[in-house]
Amino acid sequence: MTQGPFFKKIMVFAVPLMFTGLLQLLYHSADIAVVGRFVGKEALAAVGSTGSLVNLFVNLFIGMSMGSGVITAKHIGERNSGKTHDCVHTAILLSAVSGVFLCVLGFFGSTQMLKLMKVPPDVIELASLYLKLYFLGAPALLIYNFSASVIRATGDTKSPFIILSTTGLVNVLLNLFFVIVLKMGVAGVAIPTVISQALAAVAAVIYLCRLEGDCRLKIKELRFHSAEIKAILRIGIPAGLQNMLFSVSNIIIQSNVNSFGSAAMAGIAAGSNFDGYIYTCTNAVAQTTMTFTSQNIGAKKYENVGRVYRICLLCAAMVAISIEMTGFVLARQITAIFTKDAAVAAIALQRMRFIMPFFVFCSLMDVGGCQLRGMGRSVEPMLISLLLACGLRILWVFFVLPLNRTLIFLYWSYPLSWGVTFFVLLMFYFRARKDFTPADGNG
């Protein structure tokens, strides 16, 4: 990761990461598609409306897993065996403890949180059941994500892909069996997700235990190392809080969507599902930016920092635009996968065709934030996201939306917040890179 040319290496690293993310996304997509076609619009609305609430809590800890990946990559770049060992064992133990905490919080707080989101009475019971079952899998979810972050820090993105390709297939098959054959409804899509996450966590831990080198996991040596946990949290907590802030703004938007009724909830759940595929693919490029930048800074190859960022911005734009065009052209066929209800399909189609042309700005914004985290700057992108991406959406919902209370006007909050936030992150990058400019000025 510290020697060019970088384009091929970035793509070799990013493409398996894209497929890994896509397979992980299939967990939720399979839930949406199965309940939408075989259970009904209330079940579709219930599962779809939980996404922003799940992300509110899960994303804090996923951000912490990003911190473990950044610090591990940095130590690998420094060739510091002792710190690499300590970081790996601290990260995995942290994931287990965090997972148990999230499980308890989510299981016992789900119903009350859904009420605060104004989920309609015909949906809230099903949504609560789905959430409670989903959060039972939180320990496995976090153990897998922390483990995968460590594995990717070594330069290996293929192994997490292999793990999720297997467990993702298990999830889809169990979804169909539990819902169509056993008629378990919403529970029939939640339980397979938990099972699949558990299998992925076990496989990732076994892989780390068999790994050769400094990142090898030894269960008996799991303990918190103060220096490493501070370093992980210094990067991870701001990253996680940034993700949470996006989720808070999305929850506010979802609460407004809920006020339009269950048909709108179901339609937006179906229509927004495709967003995740664009985000997942371009987020793989963003994660690549962070990992490559971390290793180069650890190795003091500062001249590579700017090159990595420019290539990753280009790659993210290319990937986003190509998928956006596909989604725009095939919007009607895509929405048909998730619902047979004509009213729900119309809302889903409307949202897809509005959002698709603008999503590239979200992708560029994501790369910008990860670039700064890879440079060790995690607080700044969090604050920028708080003030701009999240702040603009909240202001839009409370002060602008009442002027024209329609779904289309609500959707405008997304592209405006993405574009402004990316521009500010880009300006801050030019300021931050001065700290890493080598003497020859090629940063």
Protein backbone atom coordinates (compact mmCIF):
# COMPACT_ATOMS: atom_id res chain seq x y z
CA MET A 1 0.00 0.00 0.00
CA THR A 2 2.98 2.33 0.30
CA GLN A 3 4.39 1.97 -3.24
CA GLY A 4 2.78 3.11 -6.50
CA PRO A 5 1.32 2.98 -9.02
CA PHE A 6 -1.82 3.03 -6.91
CA PHE A 7 -4.84 2.77 -9.22
CA LYS A 8 -4.60 -1.00 -9.74
CA LYS A 9 -3.77 -1.66 -6.08
CA ILE A 10 -6.68 0.49 -4.92
CA MET A 11 -9.10 -1.35 -7.20
CA VAL A 12 -7.73 -4.77 -6.20
CA PHE A 13 -8.31 -3.80 -2.57
CA ALA A 14 -11.66 -2.07 -3.09
CA VAL A 15 -13.49 -4.51 -5.39
CA PRO A 16 -13.59 -7.46 -2.93
CA LEU A 17 -14.58 -4.95 -0.25
CA MET A 18 -17.45 -3.81 -2.48
CA PHE A 19 -18.68 -7.36 -2.90
CA THR A 20 -18.34 -7.95 0.83
CA GLY A 21 -20.48 -4.92 1.56
CA LEU A 22 -23.02 -5.91 -1.06
CA LEU A 23 -23.39 -9.34 0.46
CA GLN A 24 -23.82 -7.82 3.92
CA LEU A 25 -26.45 -5.52 2.46
CA LEU A 26 -28.27 -8.57 1.12
CA TYR A 27 -29.20 -9.44 4.71
CA HIS A 28 -31.53 -6.46 4.88
CA SER A 29 -32.52 -6.51 1.20
CA ALA A 30 -33.58 -10.14 1.49
CA ASP A 31 -35.70 -9.22 4.52
CA ILE A 32 -37.35 -6.36 2.60
CA ALA A 33 -38.01 -8.38 -0.56
CA VAL A 34 -39.36 -11.48 1.19
CA VAL A 35 -41.77 -9.66 3.51
CA GLY A 36 -42.80 -7.26 0.75
CA ARG A 37 -43.81 -10.01 -1.66
CA PHE A 38 -44.93 -12.79 0.67
CA VAL A 39 -46.29 -11.10 3.81
CA GLY A 40 -47.74 -7.65 3.03
CA LYS A 41 -47.19 -3.89 3.03
CA GLU A 42 -47.52 -3.59 6.84
CA ALA A 43 -44.66 -6.07 7.31
CA LEU A 44 -42.65 -4.28 4.61
CA ALA A 45 -43.22 -0.95 6.36
CA ALA A 46 -42.28 -2.49 9.72
CA VAL A 47 -38.95 -3.90 8.52
CA GLY A 48 -38.14 -0.86 6.36
CA SER A 49 -38.88 1.69 9.08
CA THR A 50 -36.38 0.09 11.49
CA GLY A 51 -33.32 0.79 9.33
CA SER A 52 -32.62 4.31 10.59
CA LEU A 53 -33.11 3.24 14.21
CA VAL A 54 -30.78 0.25 13.83
CA ASN A 55 -28.17 2.47 12.21
CA LEU A 56 -28.43 5.01 15.03
CA PHE A 57 -26.90 2.54 17.47
CA VAL A 58 -25.00 0.11 15.28
CA ASN A 59 -23.13 2.88 13.44
CA LEU A 60 -21.49 4.17 16.62
CA PHE A 61 -19.77 0.82 17.07
CA ILE A 62 -19.11 0.34 13.36
CA GLY A 63 -17.24 3.65 13.57
CA MET A 64 -15.19 2.21 16.41
CA SER A 65 -14.35 -0.77 14.21
CA MET A 66 -13.08 1.71 11.61
CA GLY A 67 -10.82 3.10 14.32
CA SER A 68 -9.38 -0.35 14.97
CA GLY A 69 -8.67 -0.75 11.25
CA VAL A 70 -6.94 2.64 11.00
CA ILE A 71 -4.70 2.01 14.02
CA THR A 72 -3.87 -1.56 12.96
CA ALA A 73 -2.93 -0.36 9.46
CA LYS A 74 -0.79 2.41 10.94
CA HIS A 75 1.12 -0.05 13.15
CA ILE A 76 1.61 -2.39 10.17
CA GLY A 77 3.03 0.55 8.19
CA GLU A 78 5.36 1.30 11.11
CA ARG A 79 6.30 -2.41 11.31
CA ASN A 80 5.64 -2.34 15.04
CA SER A 81 4.85 -5.97 15.96
CA GLY A 82 4.07 -5.37 19.62
CA LYS A 83 1.57 -2.58 19.02
CA THR A 84 -0.07 -4.49 16.18
CA HIS A 85 -0.58 -7.50 18.50
CA ASP A 86 -1.98 -5.33 21.29
CA CYS A 87 -4.30 -3.47 18.92
CA VAL A 88 -5.81 -6.66 17.47
CA HIS A 89 -6.55 -8.18 20.87
CA THR A 90 -7.93 -4.92 22.27
CA ALA A 91 -10.20 -4.49 19.23
CA ILE A 92 -11.75 -7.97 19.39
CA LEU A 93 -12.43 -7.75 23.13
CA LEU A 94 -13.91 -4.29 22.65
CA SER A 95 -16.25 -5.65 19.98
CA ALA A 96 -17.57 -8.38 22.28
CA VAL A 97 -18.21 -6.01 25.19
CA SER A 98 -19.82 -3.41 22.92
CA GLY A 99 -22.00 -6.08 21.32
CA VAL A 100 -23.45 -7.22 24.64
CA PHE A 101 -24.18 -3.61 25.63
CA LEU A 102 -25.92 -2.92 22.31
CA CYS A 103 -27.93 -6.15 22.58
CA VAL A 104 -29.36 -5.20 25.98
CA LEU A 105 -30.04 -1.59 24.98
CA GLY A 106 -31.73 -2.49 21.70
CA PHE A 107 -33.80 -5.38 23.01
CA PHE A 108 -35.34 -3.53 25.94
CA GLY A 109 -35.60 -0.08 24.35
CA SER A 110 -36.98 -0.92 20.89
CA THR A 111 -40.70 -0.36 21.50
CA GLN A 112 -40.29 2.97 23.24
CA MET A 113 -37.94 4.27 20.54
CA LEU A 114 -40.41 3.31 17.82
CA LYS A 115 -43.14 5.22 19.63
CA LEU A 116 -40.90 8.30 19.71
CA MET A 117 -40.53 7.91 15.92
CA LYS A 118 -44.34 8.01 15.58
CA VAL A 119 -44.52 4.60 13.92
CA PRO A 120 -48.24 3.98 13.11
CA PRO A 121 -50.22 1.55 15.31
CA ASP A 122 -50.73 -0.92 12.44
CA VAL A 123 -46.94 -1.28 12.08
CA ILE A 124 -45.38 -0.78 15.51
CA GLU A 125 -45.96 -4.29 16.90
CA LEU A 126 -44.29 -5.94 13.91
CA ALA A 127 -41.46 -3.40 13.88
CA SER A 128 -40.81 -3.95 17.59
CA LEU A 129 -40.65 -7.72 17.13
CA TYR A 130 -38.19 -7.38 14.24
CA LEU A 131 -35.94 -5.01 16.21
CA LYS A 132 -35.84 -7.15 19.34
CA LEU A 133 -34.81 -10.21 17.37
CA TYR A 134 -32.30 -8.21 15.31
CA PHE A 135 -30.55 -6.79 18.37
CA LEU A 136 -30.07 -10.29 19.78
CA GLY A 137 -27.47 -10.66 17.04
CA ALA A 138 -25.60 -7.46 17.98
CA PRO A 139 -22.62 -9.21 19.65
CA ALA A 140 -22.02 -11.33 16.54
CA LEU A 141 -22.52 -8.33 14.24
CA LEU A 142 -19.85 -6.27 16.00
CA ILE A 143 -17.38 -9.14 16.44
CA TYR A 144 -17.55 -9.78 12.70
CA ASN A 145 -17.12 -6.10 11.77
CA PHE A 146 -14.16 -5.53 14.10
CA SER A 147 -12.53 -8.77 12.92
CA ALA A 148 -13.08 -7.86 9.27
CA SER A 149 -11.61 -4.41 9.87
CA VAL A 150 -8.43 -5.97 11.24
CA ILE A 151 -8.25 -8.45 8.36
CA ARG A 152 -8.60 -5.64 5.81
CA ALA A 153 -5.87 -3.64 7.54
CA THR A 154 -3.45 -6.42 6.52
CA GLY A 155 -4.38 -5.85 2.86
CA ASP A 156 -6.72 -8.86 2.65
CA THR A 157 -10.22 -7.97 1.45
CA LYS A 158 -10.95 -11.35 -0.13
CA SER A 159 -11.39 -13.36 3.08
CA PRO A 160 -14.24 -11.21 4.48
CA PHE A 161 -15.89 -11.51 1.05
CA ILE A 162 -15.67 -15.32 1.15
CA ILE A 163 -17.12 -15.38 4.68
CA LEU A 164 -20.09 -13.18 3.79
CA SER A 165 -20.74 -14.86 0.46
CA THR A 166 -21.36 -18.07 2.40
CA THR A 167 -23.33 -16.63 5.30
CA GLY A 168 -25.30 -14.32 3.00
CA LEU A 169 -26.51 -17.31 1.00
CA VAL A 170 -27.54 -19.01 4.24
CA ASN A 171 -29.50 -15.88 5.21
CA VAL A 172 -31.44 -15.72 1.93
CA LEU A 173 -32.30 -19.43 1.94
CA LEU A 174 -33.43 -19.35 5.57
CA ASN A 175 -35.53 -16.23 4.87
CA LEU A 176 -37.45 -18.05 2.17
CA PHE A 177 -37.87 -21.20 4.27
CA PHE A 178 -39.01 -19.43 7.46
CA VAL A 179 -41.43 -17.06 5.70
CA ILE A 180 -42.85 -19.13 2.83
CA VAL A 181 -42.78 -22.60 4.38
CA LEU A 182 -43.07 -21.93 8.12
CA LYS A 183 -45.23 -18.74 7.72
CA MET A 184 -43.30 -16.91 10.47
CA GLY A 185 -43.80 -13.41 9.01
CA VAL A 186 -41.47 -10.70 10.31
CA ALA A 187 -39.79 -13.11 12.75
CA GLY A 188 -39.01 -15.33 9.78
CA VAL A 189 -36.69 -12.68 8.31
CA ALA A 190 -35.13 -11.50 11.59
CA ILE A 191 -34.05 -14.91 12.89
CA PRO A 192 -32.08 -15.89 9.75
CA THR A 193 -30.25 -12.56 9.90
CA VAL A 194 -29.13 -13.30 13.46
CA ILE A 195 -28.05 -16.84 12.51
CA SER A 196 -26.07 -15.57 9.53
CA GLN A 197 -24.34 -12.89 11.59
CA ALA A 198 -23.35 -15.49 14.18
CA LEU A 199 -21.85 -17.73 11.50
CA ALA A 200 -19.92 -14.79 10.03
CA ALA A 201 -18.52 -13.82 13.44
CA VAL A 202 -17.36 -17.37 14.20
CA ALA A 203 -15.72 -17.71 10.79
CA ALA A 204 -13.91 -14.35 11.09
CA VAL A 205 -12.56 -15.18 14.55
CA ILE A 206 -11.37 -18.62 13.39
CA TYR A 207 -9.61 -16.94 10.46
CA LEU A 208 -7.80 -14.51 12.76
CA CYS A 209 -6.78 -17.35 15.09
CA ARG A 210 -5.14 -19.15 12.15
CA LEU A 211 -3.57 -16.05 10.61
CA GLU A 212 0.21 -15.93 10.46
CA GLY A 213 2.03 -12.82 11.62
CA ASP A 214 1.46 -9.97 14.05
CA CYS A 215 -2.33 -9.89 13.56
CA ARG A 216 -2.86 -13.47 14.71
CA LEU A 217 -5.55 -13.69 17.41
CA LYS A 218 -4.88 -15.69 20.58
CA ILE A 219 -8.03 -16.00 22.66
CA LYS A 220 -6.13 -16.36 25.94
CA GLU A 221 -4.36 -13.05 25.30
CA LEU A 222 -7.53 -10.99 24.88
CA ARG A 223 -7.26 -7.95 27.09
CA PHE A 224 -7.54 -4.19 26.95
CA HIS A 225 -4.27 -2.36 26.33
CA SER A 226 -4.70 1.25 27.47
CA ALA A 227 -2.56 2.87 24.76
CA GLU A 228 -4.35 0.97 21.97
CA ILE A 229 -7.87 1.45 23.25
CA LYS A 230 -7.22 5.19 23.53
CA ALA A 231 -5.92 5.26 19.95
CA ILE A 232 -8.88 3.23 18.65
CA LEU A 233 -11.41 5.39 20.47
CA ARG A 234 -9.70 8.61 19.39
CA ILE A 235 -10.41 7.68 15.77
CA GLY A 236 -13.44 5.44 16.27
CA ILE A 237 -15.68 7.49 18.56
CA PRO A 238 -15.77 10.62 16.35
CA ALA A 239 -16.30 8.37 13.30
CA GLY A 240 -19.09 6.53 15.09
CA LEU A 241 -20.67 9.74 16.34
CA GLN A 242 -20.61 11.10 12.81
CA ASN A 243 -22.45 7.99 11.62
CA MET A 244 -24.92 8.38 14.50
CA LEU A 245 -25.52 12.00 13.59
CA PHE A 246 -26.48 10.99 10.07
CA SER A 247 -28.81 8.43 11.61
CA VAL A 248 -30.39 11.07 13.88
CA SER A 249 -31.17 13.25 10.88
CA ASN A 250 -32.49 10.20 9.02
CA ILE A 251 -34.69 9.29 11.99
CA ILE A 252 -36.16 12.81 11.92
CA ILE A 253 -36.82 12.38 8.19
CA GLN A 254 -38.24 8.88 8.79
CA SER A 255 -40.56 10.28 11.46
CA ASN A 256 -41.90 12.73 8.87
CA VAL A 257 -42.25 9.89 6.36
CA ASN A 258 -44.22 7.92 8.96
CA SER A 259 -46.73 10.76 9.14
CA PHE A 260 -47.59 10.14 5.47
CA GLY A 261 -48.91 6.65 6.35
CA SER A 262 -47.90 3.02 5.91
CA ALA A 263 -48.03 3.14 2.08
CA ALA A 264 -45.43 5.94 2.02
CA MET A 265 -43.33 4.09 4.62
CA ALA A 266 -43.39 0.92 2.53
CA GLY A 267 -42.72 2.78 -0.73
CA ILE A 268 -39.73 4.66 0.63
CA ALA A 269 -38.40 1.47 2.25
CA ALA A 270 -38.51 -0.21 -1.16
CA GLY A 271 -37.23 2.78 -3.12
CA SER A 272 -34.38 3.62 -0.77
CA ASN A 273 -33.10 0.07 -0.71
CA PHE A 274 -31.17 0.63 -3.94
CA ASP A 275 -29.37 3.60 -2.32
CA GLY A 276 -27.61 1.11 -0.12
CA TYR A 277 -26.01 -0.62 -3.09
CA ILE A 278 -24.50 2.63 -4.38
CA TYR A 279 -23.37 3.63 -0.91
CA THR A 280 -21.87 0.22 -0.20
CA CYS A 281 -19.82 0.16 -3.40
CA THR A 282 -18.51 3.70 -3.03
CA ASN A 283 -17.99 3.27 0.72
CA ALA A 284 -15.60 0.44 -0.18
CA VAL A 285 -13.54 3.05 -2.02
CA ALA A 286 -13.78 5.34 1.02
CA GLN A 287 -12.57 2.55 3.32
CA THR A 288 -9.73 1.92 0.88
CA THR A 289 -8.79 5.62 1.06
CA MET A 290 -8.59 5.39 4.84
CA THR A 291 -6.53 2.19 4.91
CA PHE A 292 -4.04 3.24 2.21
CA THR A 293 -3.61 6.68 3.78
CA SER A 294 -3.06 5.20 7.25
CA GLN A 295 -0.36 2.83 6.06
CA ASN A 296 1.45 5.53 4.08
CA ILE A 297 1.41 7.92 7.02
CA GLY A 298 2.65 5.12 9.30
CA ALA A 299 5.48 4.50 6.83
CA LYS A 300 6.08 8.29 6.51
CA LYS A 301 5.38 8.15 2.76
CA TYR A 302 3.60 11.49 2.87
CA GLU A 303 4.04 12.09 -0.84
CA ASN A 304 1.48 9.32 -1.50
CA VAL A 305 -1.35 10.84 0.55
CA GLY A 306 -2.59 13.23 -2.15
CA ARG A 307 -2.24 10.63 -4.90
CA VAL A 308 -4.35 8.12 -3.00
CA TYR A 309 -7.06 10.71 -2.35
CA ARG A 310 -7.28 11.86 -5.98
CA ILE A 311 -7.50 8.30 -7.32
CA CYS A 312 -10.15 7.31 -4.77
CA LEU A 313 -12.29 10.36 -5.56
CA LEU A 314 -12.16 9.43 -9.24
CA CYS A 315 -12.98 5.77 -8.54
CA ALA A 316 -15.89 6.67 -6.25
CA ALA A 317 -17.36 9.03 -8.87
CA MET A 318 -17.04 6.43 -11.64
CA VAL A 319 -18.67 3.71 -9.55
CA ALA A 320 -21.48 5.95 -8.28
CA ILE A 321 -22.41 7.34 -11.69
CA SER A 322 -22.47 3.91 -13.34
CA ILE A 323 -24.75 2.44 -10.66
CA GLU A 324 -26.93 5.56 -10.58
CA MET A 325 -27.58 5.29 -14.31
CA THR A 326 -28.53 1.64 -13.90
CA GLY A 327 -30.91 2.46 -11.06
CA PHE A 328 -32.54 5.32 -12.94
CA VAL A 329 -33.15 3.27 -16.09
CA LEU A 330 -34.31 0.11 -14.29
CA ALA A 331 -36.18 1.82 -11.45
CA ARG A 332 -39.54 0.26 -12.33
CA GLN A 333 -38.10 -3.27 -12.50
CA ILE A 334 -36.18 -2.79 -9.23
CA THR A 335 -39.21 -1.61 -7.27
CA ALA A 336 -41.20 -4.60 -8.58
CA ILE A 337 -38.78 -6.90 -6.72
CA PHE A 338 -39.89 -5.48 -3.38
CA THR A 339 -43.64 -4.95 -3.73
CA LYS A 340 -46.74 -5.89 -5.74
CA ASP A 341 -48.82 -3.03 -4.32
CA ALA A 342 -49.39 -0.35 -7.01
CA ALA A 343 -49.51 2.62 -4.59
CA VAL A 344 -46.35 1.50 -2.80
CA ALA A 345 -44.55 0.91 -6.12
CA ALA A 346 -45.45 4.40 -7.36
CA ILE A 347 -43.90 6.05 -4.30
CA ALA A 348 -40.80 3.85 -4.55
CA LEU A 349 -40.38 4.70 -8.25
CA GLN A 350 -40.76 8.43 -7.59
CA ARG A 351 -38.07 8.40 -4.91
CA MET A 352 -35.57 6.39 -6.95
CA ARG A 353 -35.83 8.64 -9.99
CA PHE A 354 -35.39 11.74 -7.87
CA ILE A 355 -32.40 10.58 -5.80
CA MET A 356 -30.37 8.68 -8.41
CA PRO A 357 -28.85 11.68 -10.29
CA PHE A 358 -27.54 13.21 -7.05
CA PHE A 359 -26.09 10.24 -5.16
CA VAL A 360 -22.57 10.81 -6.50
CA PHE A 361 -22.25 13.73 -4.06
CA CYS A 362 -22.88 11.36 -1.15
CA SER A 363 -20.09 9.10 -2.45
CA LEU A 364 -17.58 11.95 -2.75
CA MET A 365 -18.54 13.18 0.72
CA ASP A 366 -17.87 9.74 2.18
CA VAL A 367 -14.41 9.52 0.59
CA GLY A 368 -13.56 12.97 1.93
CA GLY A 369 -14.43 12.01 5.50
CA CYS A 370 -12.46 8.76 5.36
CA GLN A 371 -9.44 10.52 3.88
CA LEU A 372 -9.28 12.81 6.90
CA ARG A 373 -9.68 9.87 9.30
CA GLY A 374 -6.83 8.07 7.58
CA MET A 375 -4.74 11.19 8.23
CA GLY A 376 -5.59 10.88 11.93
CA ARG A 377 -8.21 13.66 11.79
CA SER A 378 -11.46 12.15 13.02
CA VAL A 379 -12.98 14.99 15.03
CA GLU A 380 -13.07 17.45 12.12
CA PRO A 381 -15.22 15.36 9.73
CA MET A 382 -17.55 14.60 12.63
CA LEU A 383 -18.06 18.30 13.36
CA ILE A 384 -18.46 19.16 9.68
CA SER A 385 -21.11 16.46 9.34
CA LEU A 386 -22.87 17.66 12.49
CA LEU A 387 -23.04 21.26 11.35
CA LEU A 388 -23.71 20.70 7.66
CA ALA A 389 -25.01 17.28 6.59
CA CYS A 390 -27.12 16.67 9.68
CA GLY A 391 -27.83 20.29 10.55
CA LEU A 392 -29.06 21.16 7.08
CA ARG A 393 -31.44 18.18 7.01
CA ILE A 394 -32.90 19.04 10.41
CA LEU A 395 -33.34 22.70 9.46
CA TRP A 396 -34.96 21.62 6.20
CA VAL A 397 -37.46 19.33 7.95
CA PHE A 398 -38.51 21.86 10.60
CA PHE A 399 -38.38 25.16 8.70
CA VAL A 400 -38.50 24.52 4.94
CA LEU A 401 -40.64 21.38 4.57
CA PRO A 402 -43.73 22.99 6.18
CA LEU A 403 -43.79 25.42 3.23
CA ASN A 404 -44.50 22.53 0.84
CA ARG A 405 -45.28 19.35 2.71
CA THR A 406 -44.69 16.75 -0.01
CA LEU A 407 -42.38 13.77 -0.29
CA ILE A 408 -40.45 15.32 -3.20
CA PHE A 409 -39.74 18.45 -1.17
CA LEU A 410 -38.60 16.23 1.72
CA TYR A 411 -36.16 14.40 -0.59
CA TRP A 412 -34.37 17.66 -1.48
CA SER A 413 -32.71 17.63 1.95
CA TYR A 414 -30.42 14.79 0.82
CA PRO A 415 -28.59 16.21 -2.24
CA LEU A 416 -28.25 19.66 -0.69
CA SER A 417 -26.62 18.28 2.48
CA TRP A 418 -24.33 15.94 0.51
CA GLY A 419 -23.03 18.62 -1.84
CA VAL A 420 -22.32 21.26 0.80
CA THR A 421 -20.62 18.78 3.15
CA PHE A 422 -18.33 17.39 0.42
CA PHE A 423 -17.19 20.88 -0.56
CA VAL A 424 -16.29 21.80 3.03
CA LEU A 425 -14.50 18.46 3.61
CA LEU A 426 -12.46 19.06 0.45
CA MET A 427 -11.43 22.52 1.65
CA PHE A 428 -10.44 21.12 5.03
CA TYR A 429 -8.36 18.39 3.36
CA PHE A 430 -6.25 21.01 1.57
CA ARG A 431 -5.65 22.64 4.93
CA ALA A 432 -4.88 19.39 6.79
CA ARG A 433 -2.48 17.95 4.21
CA LYS A 434 0.04 20.73 4.91
CA ASP A 435 0.99 18.76 8.02
CA PHE A 436 2.03 15.84 5.81
CA THR A 437 3.69 17.62 2.87
CA PRO A 438 7.17 16.27 2.18
CA ALA A 439 10.12 18.47 1.43
CA ASP A 440 9.81 17.94 -2.36
CA GLY A 441 6.27 19.31 -2.27
CA ASN A 442 4.63 16.33 -4.02
CA GLY A 443 1.91 15.72 -1.41
